[in-house]
N, C-alpha and C. Protein backbone atom coordinates (compact mmCIF):
# COMPACT_ATOMS: atom_id res chain seq x y z
N MET A 1 0.84 -1.18 0.00
CA MET A 1 0.00 0.00 0.00
C MET A 1 0.88 1.24 0.00
N SER A 2 0.47 2.22 -0.77
CA SER A 2 1.23 3.45 -0.91
C SER A 2 1.11 4.31 0.34
N ASP A 3 2.20 4.99 0.69
CA ASP A 3 2.17 5.91 1.83
C ASP A 3 1.53 7.23 1.45
N LEU A 4 1.43 7.54 0.14
CA LEU A 4 0.81 8.77 -0.32
C LEU A 4 -0.49 8.44 -1.04
N ILE A 5 -1.51 9.23 -0.77
CA ILE A 5 -2.82 9.06 -1.39
C ILE A 5 -3.15 10.34 -2.14
N CYS A 6 -3.56 10.20 -3.41
CA CYS A 6 -3.95 11.36 -4.22
C CYS A 6 -5.30 11.86 -3.72
N ILE A 7 -5.34 13.12 -3.28
CA ILE A 7 -6.60 13.67 -2.77
C ILE A 7 -7.09 14.87 -3.56
N GLY A 8 -6.35 15.26 -4.60
CA GLY A 8 -6.80 16.40 -5.39
C GLY A 8 -5.91 16.64 -6.59
N ALA A 9 -6.33 17.59 -7.42
CA ALA A 9 -5.55 17.95 -8.60
C ALA A 9 -5.81 19.41 -8.95
N VAL A 10 -4.78 20.03 -9.52
CA VAL A 10 -4.90 21.41 -9.97
C VAL A 10 -5.46 21.40 -11.39
N ALA A 11 -6.57 22.10 -11.60
CA ALA A 11 -7.22 22.13 -12.91
C ALA A 11 -6.78 23.34 -13.73
N GLY A 12 -5.97 24.23 -13.16
CA GLY A 12 -5.49 25.40 -13.88
C GLY A 12 -5.53 26.63 -13.00
N ALA A 13 -5.22 27.76 -13.59
CA ALA A 13 -5.22 29.03 -12.86
C ALA A 13 -6.66 29.51 -12.68
N PHE A 14 -6.86 30.30 -11.62
CA PHE A 14 -8.15 30.94 -11.38
C PHE A 14 -7.86 32.41 -11.14
N GLY A 15 -8.21 33.23 -12.09
CA GLY A 15 -7.94 34.66 -11.96
C GLY A 15 -6.50 34.99 -12.31
N VAL A 16 -6.08 36.18 -11.91
CA VAL A 16 -4.75 36.67 -12.29
C VAL A 16 -3.82 36.88 -11.09
N ARG A 17 -4.24 36.48 -9.90
CA ARG A 17 -3.45 36.72 -8.69
C ARG A 17 -2.80 35.46 -8.12
N GLY A 18 -2.66 34.41 -8.92
CA GLY A 18 -1.95 33.22 -8.46
C GLY A 18 -2.82 32.14 -7.85
N GLU A 19 -4.13 32.35 -7.84
CA GLU A 19 -5.00 31.30 -7.32
C GLU A 19 -5.11 30.18 -8.36
N VAL A 20 -5.45 28.98 -7.87
CA VAL A 20 -5.64 27.83 -8.77
C VAL A 20 -7.07 27.32 -8.63
N ARG A 21 -7.50 26.64 -9.67
CA ARG A 21 -8.76 25.91 -9.64
C ARG A 21 -8.39 24.51 -9.15
N LEU A 22 -8.99 24.08 -8.04
CA LEU A 22 -8.60 22.85 -7.38
C LEU A 22 -9.76 21.86 -7.37
N LYS A 23 -9.49 20.64 -7.84
CA LYS A 23 -10.46 19.55 -7.77
C LYS A 23 -10.12 18.71 -6.55
N SER A 24 -11.12 18.44 -5.71
CA SER A 24 -10.91 17.63 -4.51
C SER A 24 -11.48 16.24 -4.72
N PHE A 25 -10.72 15.22 -4.33
CA PHE A 25 -11.17 13.83 -4.42
C PHE A 25 -11.56 13.29 -3.05
N CYS A 26 -11.72 14.16 -2.08
CA CYS A 26 -12.08 13.76 -0.71
C CYS A 26 -13.58 13.52 -0.61
N ALA A 27 -13.97 12.65 0.31
CA ALA A 27 -15.39 12.37 0.54
C ALA A 27 -16.13 13.66 0.90
N ASN A 28 -15.52 14.48 1.74
CA ASN A 28 -16.00 15.83 2.03
C ASN A 28 -15.03 16.76 1.33
N PRO A 29 -15.40 17.28 0.16
CA PRO A 29 -14.45 18.02 -0.68
C PRO A 29 -13.66 19.12 0.02
N GLU A 30 -14.29 19.85 0.94
CA GLU A 30 -13.59 20.95 1.59
C GLU A 30 -12.49 20.46 2.55
N ASP A 31 -12.49 19.18 2.90
CA ASP A 31 -11.46 18.63 3.80
C ASP A 31 -10.07 18.65 3.18
N ILE A 32 -9.97 18.85 1.88
CA ILE A 32 -8.66 18.85 1.23
C ILE A 32 -7.71 19.86 1.88
N ALA A 33 -8.24 20.94 2.39
CA ALA A 33 -7.40 21.97 3.01
C ALA A 33 -6.89 21.56 4.39
N THR A 34 -7.49 20.54 4.99
CA THR A 34 -7.10 20.15 6.35
C THR A 34 -6.00 19.10 6.39
N TYR A 35 -5.65 18.50 5.25
CA TYR A 35 -4.67 17.42 5.23
C TYR A 35 -3.28 17.90 4.84
N GLY A 36 -3.09 19.20 4.69
CA GLY A 36 -1.84 19.75 4.19
C GLY A 36 -0.72 19.73 5.19
N PRO A 37 0.48 20.07 4.74
CA PRO A 37 0.75 20.45 3.36
C PRO A 37 0.68 19.25 2.42
N LEU A 38 0.27 19.53 1.19
CA LEU A 38 0.15 18.49 0.17
C LEU A 38 1.38 18.51 -0.71
N SER A 39 1.70 17.37 -1.30
CA SER A 39 2.91 17.30 -2.11
C SER A 39 2.62 16.72 -3.48
N SER A 40 3.60 16.87 -4.38
CA SER A 40 3.52 16.21 -5.67
C SER A 40 3.79 14.72 -5.42
N GLU A 41 3.54 13.89 -6.42
CA GLU A 41 3.67 12.45 -6.25
C GLU A 41 5.08 12.03 -5.85
N ASP A 42 6.08 12.70 -6.40
CA ASP A 42 7.47 12.34 -6.07
C ASP A 42 7.97 13.04 -4.82
N GLY A 43 7.14 13.91 -4.23
CA GLY A 43 7.51 14.58 -3.00
C GLY A 43 8.45 15.77 -3.18
N SER A 44 8.78 16.12 -4.42
CA SER A 44 9.73 17.20 -4.67
C SER A 44 9.14 18.59 -4.42
N GLN A 45 7.81 18.70 -4.47
CA GLN A 45 7.14 19.98 -4.24
C GLN A 45 6.13 19.80 -3.12
N SER A 46 6.00 20.82 -2.29
CA SER A 46 5.05 20.77 -1.18
C SER A 46 4.30 22.09 -1.11
N TYR A 47 3.00 22.03 -0.83
CA TYR A 47 2.16 23.23 -0.85
C TYR A 47 1.20 23.23 0.34
N THR A 48 1.09 24.39 0.98
CA THR A 48 -0.01 24.59 1.91
C THR A 48 -1.22 24.95 1.05
N VAL A 49 -2.41 24.63 1.53
CA VAL A 49 -3.63 24.88 0.75
C VAL A 49 -4.58 25.73 1.57
N SER A 50 -5.08 26.80 0.94
CA SER A 50 -6.08 27.65 1.56
C SER A 50 -7.20 27.85 0.55
N LEU A 51 -8.39 27.34 0.86
CA LEU A 51 -9.53 27.49 -0.05
C LEU A 51 -10.05 28.92 0.06
N THR A 52 -10.31 29.55 -1.10
CA THR A 52 -10.79 30.93 -1.08
C THR A 52 -12.26 31.03 -1.47
N SER A 53 -12.74 30.13 -2.35
CA SER A 53 -14.16 30.14 -2.71
C SER A 53 -14.53 28.85 -3.42
N VAL A 54 -15.82 28.61 -3.49
CA VAL A 54 -16.34 27.46 -4.23
C VAL A 54 -16.58 27.91 -5.67
N VAL A 55 -16.09 27.12 -6.63
CA VAL A 55 -16.30 27.40 -8.05
C VAL A 55 -16.87 26.14 -8.69
N LYS A 56 -17.30 26.26 -9.93
CA LYS A 56 -17.85 25.10 -10.63
C LYS A 56 -16.82 23.97 -10.65
N ASN A 57 -17.24 22.79 -10.25
CA ASN A 57 -16.41 21.58 -10.23
C ASN A 57 -15.21 21.67 -9.30
N GLY A 58 -15.28 22.46 -8.24
CA GLY A 58 -14.16 22.49 -7.31
C GLY A 58 -14.09 23.75 -6.48
N PHE A 59 -12.86 24.17 -6.24
CA PHE A 59 -12.60 25.33 -5.40
C PHE A 59 -11.58 26.24 -6.07
N ALA A 60 -11.63 27.51 -5.71
CA ALA A 60 -10.52 28.41 -5.98
C ALA A 60 -9.68 28.33 -4.72
N ALA A 61 -8.36 28.23 -4.89
CA ALA A 61 -7.50 28.04 -3.73
C ALA A 61 -6.16 28.74 -3.93
N ARG A 62 -5.53 29.02 -2.81
CA ARG A 62 -4.17 29.54 -2.81
C ARG A 62 -3.26 28.40 -2.38
N LEU A 63 -2.20 28.19 -3.17
CA LEU A 63 -1.17 27.22 -2.81
C LEU A 63 0.06 28.00 -2.36
N GLY A 64 0.66 27.57 -1.26
CA GLY A 64 1.84 28.24 -0.74
C GLY A 64 2.94 28.33 -1.78
N GLY A 65 3.50 29.52 -1.97
CA GLY A 65 4.59 29.73 -2.92
C GLY A 65 4.14 30.06 -4.33
N VAL A 66 2.84 30.00 -4.60
CA VAL A 66 2.32 30.33 -5.93
C VAL A 66 1.74 31.73 -5.87
N GLU A 67 2.40 32.68 -6.55
CA GLU A 67 2.02 34.09 -6.43
C GLU A 67 1.47 34.68 -7.73
N THR A 68 1.77 34.07 -8.88
CA THR A 68 1.37 34.67 -10.16
C THR A 68 0.51 33.72 -10.98
N LYS A 69 -0.20 34.29 -11.93
CA LYS A 69 -1.02 33.48 -12.83
C LYS A 69 -0.13 32.50 -13.60
N GLU A 70 1.05 32.93 -14.00
CA GLU A 70 1.96 32.06 -14.76
C GLU A 70 2.39 30.85 -13.93
N GLN A 71 2.68 31.07 -12.65
CA GLN A 71 3.03 29.96 -11.77
C GLN A 71 1.84 29.01 -11.61
N ALA A 72 0.65 29.57 -11.47
CA ALA A 72 -0.56 28.75 -11.34
C ALA A 72 -0.82 27.95 -12.62
N ASP A 73 -0.66 28.60 -13.79
CA ASP A 73 -0.84 27.91 -15.07
C ASP A 73 0.13 26.73 -15.20
N ALA A 74 1.35 26.91 -14.71
CA ALA A 74 2.36 25.86 -14.83
C ALA A 74 2.02 24.62 -14.01
N LEU A 75 1.12 24.76 -13.03
CA LEU A 75 0.75 23.63 -12.18
C LEU A 75 -0.44 22.84 -12.69
N LYS A 76 -1.02 23.27 -13.81
CA LYS A 76 -2.20 22.58 -14.34
C LYS A 76 -1.90 21.10 -14.51
N GLY A 77 -2.79 20.25 -13.98
CA GLY A 77 -2.62 18.81 -14.08
C GLY A 77 -1.85 18.20 -12.92
N LEU A 78 -1.27 19.02 -12.05
CA LEU A 78 -0.52 18.52 -10.91
C LEU A 78 -1.46 17.79 -9.95
N ARG A 79 -1.14 16.53 -9.66
CA ARG A 79 -1.91 15.77 -8.68
C ARG A 79 -1.30 16.00 -7.31
N LEU A 80 -2.16 16.23 -6.31
CA LEU A 80 -1.71 16.55 -4.96
C LEU A 80 -1.96 15.36 -4.03
N PHE A 81 -0.94 15.05 -3.24
CA PHE A 81 -0.96 13.87 -2.38
C PHE A 81 -0.80 14.25 -0.92
N ALA A 82 -1.41 13.43 -0.06
CA ALA A 82 -1.26 13.57 1.39
C ALA A 82 -0.76 12.24 1.94
N PRO A 83 0.04 12.28 2.99
CA PRO A 83 0.46 11.03 3.62
C PRO A 83 -0.74 10.29 4.19
N ARG A 84 -0.74 8.97 4.05
CA ARG A 84 -1.85 8.12 4.51
C ARG A 84 -2.15 8.37 6.00
N ASP A 85 -1.14 8.59 6.81
CA ASP A 85 -1.38 8.74 8.25
C ASP A 85 -2.11 10.03 8.62
N ARG A 86 -2.22 10.99 7.69
CA ARG A 86 -3.00 12.22 7.95
C ARG A 86 -4.47 12.06 7.57
N LEU A 87 -4.78 10.99 6.84
CA LEU A 87 -6.14 10.78 6.35
C LEU A 87 -6.93 9.94 7.35
N PRO A 88 -8.25 10.07 7.33
CA PRO A 88 -9.06 9.27 8.26
C PRO A 88 -9.00 7.79 7.90
N SER A 89 -9.12 6.94 8.92
CA SER A 89 -9.21 5.51 8.64
C SER A 89 -10.60 5.25 8.07
N LEU A 90 -10.68 4.25 7.22
CA LEU A 90 -11.93 3.96 6.52
C LEU A 90 -12.68 2.80 7.15
N PRO A 91 -14.00 2.78 7.01
CA PRO A 91 -14.76 1.61 7.45
C PRO A 91 -14.33 0.37 6.65
N ASP A 92 -14.69 -0.80 7.13
CA ASP A 92 -14.27 -2.05 6.51
C ASP A 92 -14.68 -2.19 5.05
N ASP A 93 -15.76 -1.56 4.64
CA ASP A 93 -16.25 -1.74 3.27
C ASP A 93 -15.88 -0.58 2.34
N GLU A 94 -14.92 0.26 2.76
CA GLU A 94 -14.47 1.36 1.92
C GLU A 94 -12.96 1.26 1.73
N TYR A 95 -12.48 1.71 0.55
CA TYR A 95 -11.07 1.57 0.21
C TYR A 95 -10.58 2.82 -0.51
N TYR A 96 -9.31 3.14 -0.30
CA TYR A 96 -8.69 4.17 -1.12
C TYR A 96 -8.39 3.56 -2.48
N HIS A 97 -8.66 4.31 -3.55
CA HIS A 97 -8.41 3.80 -4.90
C HIS A 97 -6.98 3.31 -5.06
N ALA A 98 -6.03 4.01 -4.45
CA ALA A 98 -4.62 3.63 -4.55
C ALA A 98 -4.37 2.22 -4.03
N ASP A 99 -5.19 1.77 -3.08
CA ASP A 99 -5.01 0.42 -2.53
C ASP A 99 -5.55 -0.66 -3.45
N LEU A 100 -6.47 -0.32 -4.33
CA LEU A 100 -7.07 -1.31 -5.24
C LEU A 100 -6.26 -1.50 -6.51
N ILE A 101 -5.58 -0.46 -6.96
CA ILE A 101 -4.83 -0.52 -8.21
C ILE A 101 -3.68 -1.51 -8.06
N GLY A 102 -3.60 -2.43 -9.01
CA GLY A 102 -2.56 -3.45 -9.00
C GLY A 102 -2.98 -4.77 -8.39
N LEU A 103 -4.14 -4.83 -7.74
CA LEU A 103 -4.59 -6.09 -7.14
C LEU A 103 -5.01 -7.07 -8.23
N ASP A 104 -4.72 -8.36 -7.99
CA ASP A 104 -5.19 -9.42 -8.88
C ASP A 104 -6.66 -9.66 -8.61
N VAL A 105 -7.42 -9.96 -9.67
CA VAL A 105 -8.85 -10.22 -9.55
C VAL A 105 -9.11 -11.65 -10.00
N TYR A 106 -9.72 -12.44 -9.10
CA TYR A 106 -10.05 -13.83 -9.38
C TYR A 106 -11.56 -13.99 -9.37
N ASP A 107 -12.06 -14.97 -10.16
CA ASP A 107 -13.49 -15.26 -10.07
C ASP A 107 -13.71 -16.18 -8.87
N THR A 108 -14.97 -16.51 -8.58
CA THR A 108 -15.29 -17.30 -7.39
C THR A 108 -14.77 -18.73 -7.49
N GLY A 109 -14.34 -19.15 -8.67
CA GLY A 109 -13.75 -20.48 -8.85
C GLY A 109 -12.24 -20.46 -8.76
N GLY A 110 -11.64 -19.30 -8.55
CA GLY A 110 -10.20 -19.20 -8.40
C GLY A 110 -9.43 -18.92 -9.67
N THR A 111 -10.13 -18.66 -10.78
CA THR A 111 -9.48 -18.36 -12.05
C THR A 111 -9.10 -16.88 -12.09
N LEU A 112 -7.84 -16.60 -12.46
CA LEU A 112 -7.40 -15.21 -12.57
C LEU A 112 -8.10 -14.53 -13.74
N LEU A 113 -8.80 -13.44 -13.44
CA LEU A 113 -9.49 -12.67 -14.47
C LEU A 113 -8.61 -11.55 -15.01
N GLY A 114 -7.81 -10.95 -14.17
CA GLY A 114 -6.97 -9.84 -14.57
C GLY A 114 -6.46 -9.09 -13.37
N GLN A 115 -6.01 -7.88 -13.62
CA GLN A 115 -5.45 -7.03 -12.58
C GLN A 115 -6.10 -5.65 -12.68
N VAL A 116 -6.31 -5.00 -11.54
CA VAL A 116 -6.93 -3.67 -11.53
C VAL A 116 -5.92 -2.65 -12.08
N LYS A 117 -6.32 -2.02 -13.18
CA LYS A 117 -5.48 -0.99 -13.82
C LYS A 117 -5.82 0.39 -13.27
N SER A 118 -7.12 0.65 -13.06
CA SER A 118 -7.56 1.93 -12.51
C SER A 118 -8.94 1.77 -11.91
N VAL A 119 -9.34 2.78 -11.14
CA VAL A 119 -10.69 2.84 -10.60
C VAL A 119 -11.32 4.08 -11.21
N GLN A 120 -12.47 3.88 -11.85
CA GLN A 120 -13.13 4.99 -12.54
C GLN A 120 -14.52 5.21 -11.98
N ASN A 121 -15.01 6.42 -12.13
CA ASN A 121 -16.38 6.72 -11.75
C ASN A 121 -16.93 7.71 -12.76
N HIS A 122 -17.95 7.30 -13.46
CA HIS A 122 -18.57 8.14 -14.49
C HIS A 122 -19.94 8.64 -14.04
N GLY A 123 -20.14 8.69 -12.72
CA GLY A 123 -21.37 9.27 -12.20
C GLY A 123 -22.25 8.33 -11.42
N ALA A 124 -22.34 7.07 -11.81
CA ALA A 124 -23.27 6.17 -11.13
C ALA A 124 -22.60 5.43 -9.97
N ALA A 125 -21.49 4.79 -10.24
CA ALA A 125 -20.77 4.02 -9.21
C ALA A 125 -19.35 3.78 -9.69
N ASP A 126 -18.51 3.32 -8.78
CA ASP A 126 -17.13 3.02 -9.15
C ASP A 126 -17.07 1.79 -10.05
N LEU A 127 -16.11 1.81 -10.97
CA LEU A 127 -15.83 0.70 -11.87
C LEU A 127 -14.36 0.35 -11.76
N LEU A 128 -14.05 -0.94 -11.69
CA LEU A 128 -12.68 -1.38 -11.70
C LEU A 128 -12.29 -1.68 -13.14
N GLU A 129 -11.27 -1.02 -13.66
CA GLU A 129 -10.78 -1.29 -15.00
C GLU A 129 -9.75 -2.40 -14.90
N LEU A 130 -10.06 -3.53 -15.52
CA LEU A 130 -9.20 -4.71 -15.45
C LEU A 130 -8.48 -4.92 -16.77
N HIS A 131 -7.23 -5.36 -16.68
CA HIS A 131 -6.48 -5.78 -17.85
C HIS A 131 -5.73 -7.05 -17.48
N GLY A 132 -5.37 -7.81 -18.47
CA GLY A 132 -4.64 -9.03 -18.15
C GLY A 132 -4.43 -9.92 -19.35
N PRO A 133 -3.89 -11.10 -19.12
CA PRO A 133 -3.59 -12.03 -20.20
C PRO A 133 -4.87 -12.46 -20.92
N GLY A 134 -4.77 -12.53 -22.22
CA GLY A 134 -5.91 -12.97 -23.02
C GLY A 134 -6.97 -11.91 -23.26
N MET A 135 -6.77 -10.70 -22.78
CA MET A 135 -7.75 -9.63 -22.99
C MET A 135 -7.25 -8.71 -24.09
N LYS A 136 -8.09 -8.52 -25.10
CA LYS A 136 -7.74 -7.55 -26.15
C LYS A 136 -7.95 -6.14 -25.65
N ASN A 137 -9.03 -5.93 -24.90
CA ASN A 137 -9.37 -4.62 -24.34
C ASN A 137 -9.54 -4.76 -22.85
N THR A 138 -9.49 -3.63 -22.15
CA THR A 138 -9.76 -3.68 -20.73
C THR A 138 -11.25 -3.93 -20.50
N VAL A 139 -11.57 -4.43 -19.32
CA VAL A 139 -12.95 -4.72 -18.94
C VAL A 139 -13.30 -3.87 -17.73
N LEU A 140 -14.49 -3.29 -17.73
CA LEU A 140 -14.95 -2.47 -16.60
C LEU A 140 -15.89 -3.32 -15.74
N LEU A 141 -15.42 -3.64 -14.53
CA LEU A 141 -16.19 -4.45 -13.59
C LEU A 141 -16.85 -3.52 -12.57
N PRO A 142 -18.18 -3.61 -12.42
CA PRO A 142 -18.84 -2.76 -11.42
C PRO A 142 -18.29 -3.06 -10.02
N PHE A 143 -17.93 -2.02 -9.29
CA PHE A 143 -17.41 -2.21 -7.94
C PHE A 143 -18.56 -2.14 -6.96
N THR A 144 -19.38 -3.18 -7.00
CA THR A 144 -20.54 -3.31 -6.11
C THR A 144 -20.36 -4.56 -5.27
N LEU A 145 -21.10 -4.67 -4.20
CA LEU A 145 -21.01 -5.84 -3.34
C LEU A 145 -21.42 -7.11 -4.10
N ALA A 146 -22.36 -6.99 -5.02
CA ALA A 146 -22.80 -8.16 -5.78
C ALA A 146 -21.70 -8.65 -6.74
N ALA A 147 -21.02 -7.74 -7.40
CA ALA A 147 -20.00 -8.12 -8.38
C ALA A 147 -18.63 -8.33 -7.75
N VAL A 148 -18.37 -7.69 -6.61
CA VAL A 148 -17.08 -7.81 -5.93
C VAL A 148 -17.36 -8.08 -4.45
N PRO A 149 -17.63 -9.34 -4.11
CA PRO A 149 -17.97 -9.65 -2.72
C PRO A 149 -16.79 -9.60 -1.75
N THR A 150 -15.55 -9.76 -2.26
CA THR A 150 -14.40 -9.83 -1.36
C THR A 150 -13.24 -9.00 -1.86
N VAL A 151 -12.73 -8.13 -1.00
CA VAL A 151 -11.48 -7.40 -1.25
C VAL A 151 -10.55 -7.77 -0.11
N ASP A 152 -9.45 -8.43 -0.42
CA ASP A 152 -8.49 -8.88 0.58
C ASP A 152 -7.17 -8.15 0.36
N LEU A 153 -7.01 -7.02 1.04
CA LEU A 153 -5.81 -6.21 0.86
C LEU A 153 -4.57 -6.92 1.37
N GLU A 154 -4.71 -7.71 2.44
CA GLU A 154 -3.56 -8.42 2.99
C GLU A 154 -3.00 -9.43 2.00
N GLN A 155 -3.88 -10.13 1.27
CA GLN A 155 -3.46 -11.12 0.28
C GLN A 155 -3.23 -10.49 -1.09
N GLY A 156 -3.61 -9.23 -1.24
CA GLY A 156 -3.43 -8.53 -2.51
C GLY A 156 -4.31 -9.06 -3.62
N ARG A 157 -5.58 -9.36 -3.27
CA ARG A 157 -6.47 -9.92 -4.29
C ARG A 157 -7.92 -9.51 -4.05
N ILE A 158 -8.66 -9.62 -5.13
CA ILE A 158 -10.09 -9.35 -5.13
C ILE A 158 -10.78 -10.59 -5.66
N ILE A 159 -11.86 -11.00 -5.02
CA ILE A 159 -12.68 -12.10 -5.52
C ILE A 159 -13.92 -11.46 -6.14
N ALA A 160 -14.17 -11.79 -7.41
CA ALA A 160 -15.29 -11.16 -8.13
C ALA A 160 -16.28 -12.21 -8.61
N ASP A 161 -17.52 -11.80 -8.66
CA ASP A 161 -18.60 -12.61 -9.26
C ASP A 161 -19.20 -11.71 -10.34
N PRO A 162 -18.49 -11.63 -11.50
CA PRO A 162 -18.90 -10.67 -12.53
C PRO A 162 -20.26 -10.99 -13.13
N PRO A 163 -20.94 -9.96 -13.62
CA PRO A 163 -22.23 -10.18 -14.29
C PRO A 163 -22.03 -11.12 -15.49
N GLU A 164 -23.04 -11.90 -15.77
CA GLU A 164 -23.02 -12.85 -16.89
C GLU A 164 -22.66 -12.15 -18.20
N GLY A 165 -21.70 -12.71 -18.94
CA GLY A 165 -21.32 -12.19 -20.25
C GLY A 165 -20.25 -11.12 -20.22
N LEU A 166 -19.78 -10.71 -19.04
CA LEU A 166 -18.77 -9.65 -18.97
C LEU A 166 -17.42 -10.14 -19.47
N PHE A 167 -17.09 -11.39 -19.16
CA PHE A 167 -15.80 -11.97 -19.59
C PHE A 167 -16.02 -13.03 -20.63
């Protein structure tokens, strides 16, 4: 399991005074400001976060050390990470996406179906994007209790009962 969890991303500059448009991936979006300072994935950059207002699809925010629109523009696409120990512990049936990526997925008979490439959400529910041997394309498995009855982080595997015809 990764020590850093992605909790937000910079969507670009907001205004001309160095503010950024910030997308939060937190369950309570405004909590992104409480887990700081946040860092880049490699840890080479670190930023304090101060939310200034709510904007469409996120927040306007000030990042420590970012003073100009040009500096804010240069950060577009930057994913922001917090150390796992600063984040709340999750209930037994909830997982950080970072913990699911890379897990092997087996069917209820023990046959390897593939490996989790990413976790996606297009509005309705989370989907596990699987790839693996014998697959021409990735497969999107609904991340529901019916389709994924078991997630075993200690063993590094997921047991799935995929809908008929998915594989």
